[in-house]
Protein backbone atom coordinates (compact mmCIF):
# COMPACT_ATOMS: atom_id res chain seq x y z
CA UNK A 1 9.64 8.71 -4.23
CA UNK A 2 7.05 11.46 -4.02
CA UNK A 3 3.80 11.23 -2.16
CA UNK A 4 0.79 12.22 -4.31
CA UNK A 5 -2.09 14.06 -2.81
CA UNK A 6 -5.20 12.38 -4.27
CA UNK A 7 -8.47 13.60 -2.76
CA UNK A 8 -10.23 10.36 -3.91
CA UNK A 9 -7.71 8.14 -2.27
CA UNK A 10 -7.80 10.27 0.89
CA UNK A 11 -11.54 9.57 1.13
CA UNK A 12 -10.99 5.83 0.47
CA UNK A 13 -8.51 5.93 3.39
CA UNK A 14 -11.15 7.60 5.63
CA UNK A 15 -13.57 4.78 4.73
CA UNK A 16 -11.04 2.04 5.73
CA UNK A 17 -9.90 3.65 8.92
CA UNK A 18 -11.21 3.13 12.43
CA UNK A 19 -13.92 0.56 11.60
CA UNK A 20 -15.28 -1.48 14.50
CA UNK A 21 -15.71 -5.19 13.77
CA UNK A 22 -16.47 -8.29 15.81
CA UNK A 23 -12.81 -9.17 16.30
CA UNK A 24 -11.13 -5.62 16.49
CA UNK A 25 -10.57 -2.45 14.74
CA UNK A 26 -9.89 -2.29 11.01
CA UNK A 27 -7.44 0.41 10.03
CA UNK A 28 -6.31 0.97 6.50
CA UNK A 29 -4.95 3.48 3.93
CA UNK A 30 -4.49 3.70 0.22
CA UNK A 31 -1.69 5.92 -0.85
CA UNK A 32 -0.18 6.92 -4.23
CA UNK A 33 3.48 7.67 -4.96
CA UNK A 34 5.35 8.93 -7.93
CA UNK A 35 8.71 7.41 -8.90
CA UNK A 36 10.06 10.83 -9.78
CA UNK A 37 13.44 11.11 -8.01
CA UNK A 38 14.12 13.89 -5.66
CA UNK A 39 17.50 15.29 -4.39
CA UNK A 40 16.98 15.12 -0.61
CA UNK A 41 17.83 11.48 0.21
CA UNK A 42 19.12 8.63 -1.83
CA UNK A 43 20.69 6.90 1.17
CA UNK A 44 18.37 3.94 1.19
CA UNK A 45 18.71 3.15 -2.56
CA UNK A 46 22.49 3.52 -2.47
CA UNK A 47 22.86 1.28 0.59
CA UNK A 48 20.65 -1.45 -0.86
CA UNK A 49 22.25 -1.19 -4.26
CA UNK A 50 25.67 -1.54 -2.65
CA UNK A 51 24.44 -4.56 -0.63
CA UNK A 52 23.08 -6.39 -3.67
CA UNK A 53 26.28 -5.62 -5.75
CA UNK A 54 28.42 -7.12 -2.95
CA UNK A 55 26.17 -10.25 -3.03
CA UNK A 56 26.56 -10.57 -6.80
CA UNK A 57 30.36 -10.22 -6.40
CA UNK A 58 30.36 -13.04 -3.76
CA UNK A 59 28.13 -15.23 -6.01
CA UNK A 60 25.18 -15.15 -3.59
CA UNK A 61 23.09 -13.52 -6.39
CA UNK A 62 23.28 -15.14 -9.82
CA UNK A 63 21.77 -14.60 -13.23
CA UNK A 64 19.35 -17.44 -12.57
CA UNK A 65 16.30 -16.24 -10.66
CA UNK A 66 12.70 -17.29 -10.33
CA UNK A 67 11.33 -15.18 -7.59
CA UNK A 68 8.73 -12.43 -7.74
CA UNK A 69 11.21 -9.99 -9.32
CA UNK A 70 13.27 -12.37 -11.24
CA UNK A 71 17.09 -12.44 -10.49
CA UNK A 72 18.49 -9.39 -8.65
CA UNK A 73 21.39 -9.70 -10.94
CA UNK A 74 19.35 -7.50 -13.23
CA UNK A 75 19.35 -3.68 -12.32
CA UNK A 76 15.67 -3.20 -13.27
CA UNK A 77 14.67 -6.06 -10.89
CA UNK A 78 16.67 -4.57 -7.96
CA UNK A 79 15.10 -1.18 -8.74
CA UNK A 80 11.57 -2.58 -8.46
CA UNK A 81 12.32 -4.22 -5.08
CA UNK A 82 13.88 -1.00 -3.75
CA UNK A 83 10.84 0.89 -5.08
CA UNK A 84 8.46 -1.19 -2.85
CA UNK A 85 10.79 -0.98 0.20
CA UNK A 86 11.04 2.78 -0.20
CA UNK A 87 7.21 3.07 -0.49
CA UNK A 88 6.73 1.12 2.86
CA UNK A 89 9.48 3.14 4.59
CA UNK A 90 7.59 6.32 3.71
CA UNK A 91 4.15 5.05 4.53
CA UNK A 92 5.36 3.73 7.92
CA UNK A 93 8.16 6.12 8.75
CA UNK A 94 8.48 4.67 12.36
CA UNK A 95 9.66 1.40 10.90
CA UNK A 96 12.65 0.48 8.72
CA UNK A 97 12.00 -2.03 5.93
CA UNK A 98 15.59 -1.98 4.53
CA UNK A 99 16.18 -5.59 5.61
CA UNK A 100 13.19 -6.86 3.75
CA UNK A 101 14.20 -9.19 0.88
CA UNK A 102 12.64 -10.33 -2.37
CA UNK A 103 11.10 -13.40 -0.71
CA UNK A 104 8.92 -11.22 1.37
CA UNK A 105 6.92 -10.33 -1.68
CA UNK A 106 4.71 -12.18 -4.12
CA UNK A 107 4.07 -11.24 -7.70
CA UNK A 108 0.35 -11.46 -8.27
CA UNK A 109 -0.64 -12.71 -11.65
CA UNK A 110 -4.37 -11.88 -11.62
CA UNK A 111 -5.68 -8.37 -10.90
CA UNK A 112 -9.32 -9.68 -10.51
CA UNK A 113 -8.16 -12.27 -7.94
CA UNK A 114 -6.48 -9.50 -5.90
CA UNK A 115 -9.59 -7.33 -6.03
CA UNK A 116 -11.77 -10.27 -5.05
CA UNK A 117 -9.48 -11.15 -2.12
CA UNK A 118 -9.60 -7.51 -0.84
CA UNK A 119 -13.39 -7.29 -1.38
CA UNK A 120 -14.09 -10.62 0.40
CA UNK A 121 -11.89 -9.84 3.36
CA UNK A 122 -13.35 -6.30 3.87
CA UNK A 123 -16.91 -7.42 3.19
CA UNK A 124 -16.58 -10.20 5.89
CA UNK A 125 -15.90 -7.60 8.61
CA UNK A 126 -17.75 -4.45 7.47
CA UNK A 127 -20.68 -6.08 5.50
CA UNK A 128 -23.16 -3.44 6.63
CA UNK A 129 -21.99 -1.05 3.97
CA UNK A 130 -18.74 -2.15 2.24
CA UNK A 131 -20.35 -3.88 -0.84
CA UNK A 132 -21.96 -0.80 -2.08
CA UNK A 133 -18.69 1.14 -1.68
CA UNK A 134 -16.41 -1.44 -3.38
CA UNK A 135 -17.14 -0.25 -6.95
CA UNK A 136 -16.39 3.33 -5.99
CA UNK A 137 -13.16 2.36 -4.13
CA UNK A 138 -11.83 0.62 -7.23
CA UNK A 139 -12.93 3.39 -9.47
CA UNK A 140 -10.96 5.92 -7.40
CA UNK A 141 -7.81 3.65 -7.51
CA UNK A 142 -8.22 3.10 -11.19
CA UNK A 143 -8.37 6.80 -11.92
CA UNK A 144 -5.00 7.34 -10.29
CA UNK A 145 -3.13 4.25 -11.42
CA UNK A 146 -4.90 2.61 -14.44
CA UNK A 147 -5.21 -0.86 -12.92
CA UNK A 148 -5.17 -2.81 -16.14
CA UNK A 149 -1.66 -1.51 -16.80
CA UNK A 150 -0.25 -2.44 -13.43
CA UNK A 151 1.99 -5.13 -12.04
CA UNK A 152 0.66 -6.20 -8.59
CA UNK A 153 2.71 -7.34 -5.68
CA UNK A 154 1.78 -8.41 -2.19
CA UNK A 155 3.91 -8.17 0.92
CA UNK A 156 4.12 -11.21 3.24
CA UNK A 157 4.09 -10.17 6.94
CA UNK A 158 5.73 -12.24 9.57
CA UNK A 159 8.88 -12.92 7.63
CA UNK A 160 10.32 -9.68 8.88
CA UNK A 161 10.99 -9.58 12.59
CA UNK A 162 9.87 -5.95 12.98
CA UNK A 163 7.06 -4.54 10.91
CA UNK A 164 3.62 -3.06 11.82
CA UNK A 165 1.83 -6.23 10.63
CA UNK A 166 3.70 -8.79 12.83
CA UNK A 167 3.07 -7.00 16.23
CA UNK A 168 1.22 -8.72 19.02
CA UNK A 169 -2.47 -7.97 18.55
CA UNK A 170 -2.73 -7.88 14.79
CA UNK A 171 -5.37 -10.25 13.78
CA UNK A 172 -4.83 -9.94 10.03
CA UNK A 173 -3.35 -7.67 7.48
CA UNK A 174 -3.26 -7.06 3.68
CA UNK A 175 -0.62 -5.30 1.73
CA UNK A 176 -0.74 -4.82 -2.01
CA UNK A 177 1.27 -2.67 -4.36
CA UNK A 178 -0.06 -1.59 -7.82
CA UNK A 179 2.84 -0.55 -9.93
CA UNK A 180 2.39 1.28 -13.24
CA UNK A 181 5.73 1.62 -14.94
CA UNK A 182 4.23 3.79 -17.79
CA UNK A 183 2.81 6.36 -15.35
CA UNK A 184 5.81 5.86 -13.01
CA UNK A 185 3.39 5.54 -10.09
CA UNK A 186 2.85 3.13 -7.20
CA UNK A 187 -0.39 2.72 -5.17
CA UNK A 188 0.01 1.09 -1.71
CA UNK A 189 -3.17 -0.58 -0.32
CA UNK A 190 -2.55 -1.62 3.29
CA UNK A 191 -5.09 -2.66 5.77
CA UNK A 192 -4.91 -4.44 9.17
CA UNK A 193 -7.28 -5.61 11.93
CA UNK A 194 -6.13 -5.00 15.48
CA UNK A 195 -7.57 -6.97 18.41
CA UNK A 196 -9.61 -5.16 21.01
CA UNK A 197 -7.30 -6.69 23.58
CA UNK A 198 -4.24 -5.12 22.08
CA UNK A 199 -2.44 -2.23 23.65
CA UNK A 200 -2.04 -0.79 20.18
CA UNK A 201 -5.60 0.71 20.14
CA UNK A 202 -7.90 2.77 22.22
CA UNK A 203 -11.31 1.13 21.68
CA UNK A 204 -13.28 4.11 22.84
CA UNK A 205 -11.41 6.41 20.48
CA UNK A 206 -12.07 4.17 17.53
CA UNK A 207 -15.77 3.82 18.42
CA UNK A 208 -16.07 7.60 18.38
CA UNK A 209 -14.38 7.79 14.98
CA UNK A 210 -16.66 4.99 13.67
CA UNK A 211 -19.78 7.02 14.23
CA UNK A 212 -18.93 9.21 11.25
CA UNK A 213 -18.98 6.18 8.92
CA UNK A 214 -22.49 5.19 10.09
CA UNK A 215 -24.18 8.49 9.31
CA UNK A 216 -26.89 8.28 6.61
CA UNK A 217 -25.37 11.09 4.72
CA UNK A 218 -21.76 9.83 4.80
CA UNK A 219 -19.22 9.01 2.16
CA UNK A 220 -20.87 8.33 -1.23
CA UNK A 221 -23.73 10.77 -0.45
CA UNK A 222 -21.24 13.51 0.04
CA UNK A 223 -21.14 15.96 -2.93
CA UNK A 224 -17.42 15.44 -3.16
CA UNK A 225 -18.02 11.73 -4.04
CA UNK A 226 -20.22 12.57 -7.06
CA UNK A 227 -19.06 10.29 -9.81
CA UNK A 228 -19.13 13.16 -12.20
CA UNK A 229 -15.97 14.39 -10.55
CA UNK A 230 -14.05 11.11 -10.79
CA UNK A 231 -12.59 12.02 -14.19
CA UNK A 232 -11.06 15.12 -12.58
CA UNK A 233 -8.98 13.26 -9.95
CA UNK A 234 -5.77 13.14 -11.95
CA UNK A 235 -5.94 16.96 -12.48
CA UNK A 236 -5.99 17.42 -8.69
CA UNK A 237 -3.13 15.15 -7.84
CA UNK A 238 -0.34 17.08 -6.23
CA UNK A 239 3.23 15.96 -5.58
CA UNK A 240 4.77 16.17 -2.17
CA UNK A 241 8.39 15.59 -1.39
CA UNK A 242 9.37 12.81 1.00
CA UNK A 243 12.74 11.79 2.39
CA UNK A 244 12.88 8.62 0.25
CA UNK A 245 14.04 8.67 -3.30
CA UNK A 246 16.28 6.66 -5.65
CA UNK A 247 17.85 6.86 -9.06
CA UNK A 248 20.13 4.49 -10.73
């Protein structure tokens, strides 16, 4: 996988990071990755592929499958699962998601329902200014991934014993993957709210960060957010090597 430098998504991440709410601090990010393989490290993919092959040999994985990916007997289904695991490993390098299985994910059948779920959740905690930004957020994401052509998956926290969303102090979290097989890209939309009582945050630090978002001339009034520049986002996307890649 290769991380894609997308200025529009970087600004969306800024909007979703360090927001003070009634219950805690909302911290999120929206990142894009290319499926283009690199030479540096195929260890994760090879390890998981070996594990799944062993389970097929032992009869633990069969041709019959009804999960979010279908049966892992099929190579393409395994590849999709590994793709999402690799994405999370890169986004949260301090955690290892290699033990995550297919039942930790849901295949979402409705893009509009996913968008509504994200909008409603964020609006409920940052309603002072989120509604007017939602349209711009989705426009930036669409410019990079072409949402109508995506398969959408969600990650279910709490099923894995060690992940950043199951830690003590996390009030809620959202994790969505927008996968465009034609563009060979993935967008990872992840957001979590951390309680003020949690040792995971420094409340004063986040309050200082939050001042930037309350400025009258912030975000969509900045020249870099001019909608006339939205169509140029794809031209400004740069690829950056990461330590996670896979190729079958």
